[in-house]
Amino acid sequence: MNDSTANEINLGADSQAHQAAAGSNISQTYIAQQIVNAPEPPREWKPPRQMLNVVPTFTGRRDALEKLATLGARGVTTPRLMLAGIGGFGKTSLAAQITNDLKHIFDGGILLAEIPTVDVFLKLDEWAKLYDGDVKEIQDVNLRADRVRDLIHQRVGSKRVLAVLDGIVDENDEPKLAPLVRALSDCAVLATTRATNLPALYHFRAIPVQDFGEQDAVDLFHKILLDDARLETDLIYYR
């Protein structure tokens, strides 16, 4: 074999090696592109849990809690309850407690709107996203509320949803309440308010919240003492 023939053989081998390497690179590039462009697996939907903060020292209110427990009842119509009473009597604490007690029943989610600061359009948009929807393009507030209602229904089916509307002051909050209640027409709803004439307006059952009775006040005092390590230390010191 002369030098010329040997060079041709070497060149041919080099060419085949380059082709093989190029083919391998193309294959790797193609595979990488497929991985990048592959659709993401469907996200597992989880029911929202928008919860009020439970007061660690909550105690008493047995009668009110028994009435509020009907929120978890199944019936022809979804329950609508409204805690009504003057400010400072613990309506929000009571709503937080019963929501926490019943959260296992509401497998379709728990929603919250704090009425004094709520922006209705943004709240409806937030709720829609929680149920895998988008209502930003809907500018009419009632149509937006209707779409949120449909999204909730489509997502949860026969599951149950509880919504808490906390801190209604008076009739001036009615423009906020109307679209929110409209969106929640298939949900159990618990509201808190200082007004006494609002429950009938939206077909809520009113549950009056009054000041603590003597025994409830004593029970609360003892619970605070037991939960406060500083007070316990002081009591031991003065003994």
Foldseek 3Di string as FASTA:
>chain_A
DDPVVVVVVVVVVVVVVVVVVVVVVVVVVVVVVCVVPPDDDDDDAAAEEPADDADPLDDDPVVVLVVVLCQLPDDPFHAFAEEEAAPPLCPNNSVRVSCVVCVVQQRNYEAEDAQVPDDQVVSLQVLQVSLVHGQVVPDDLQVSLVVLLVSSCVRQPPGAYEYEHEDAEDPVSVVNPVSPCSSQRRHHYYYYYHDDPPCVVSVHHYDYRDHDDPVRVVSSVVSVCVPDVVNVVVVVVVD
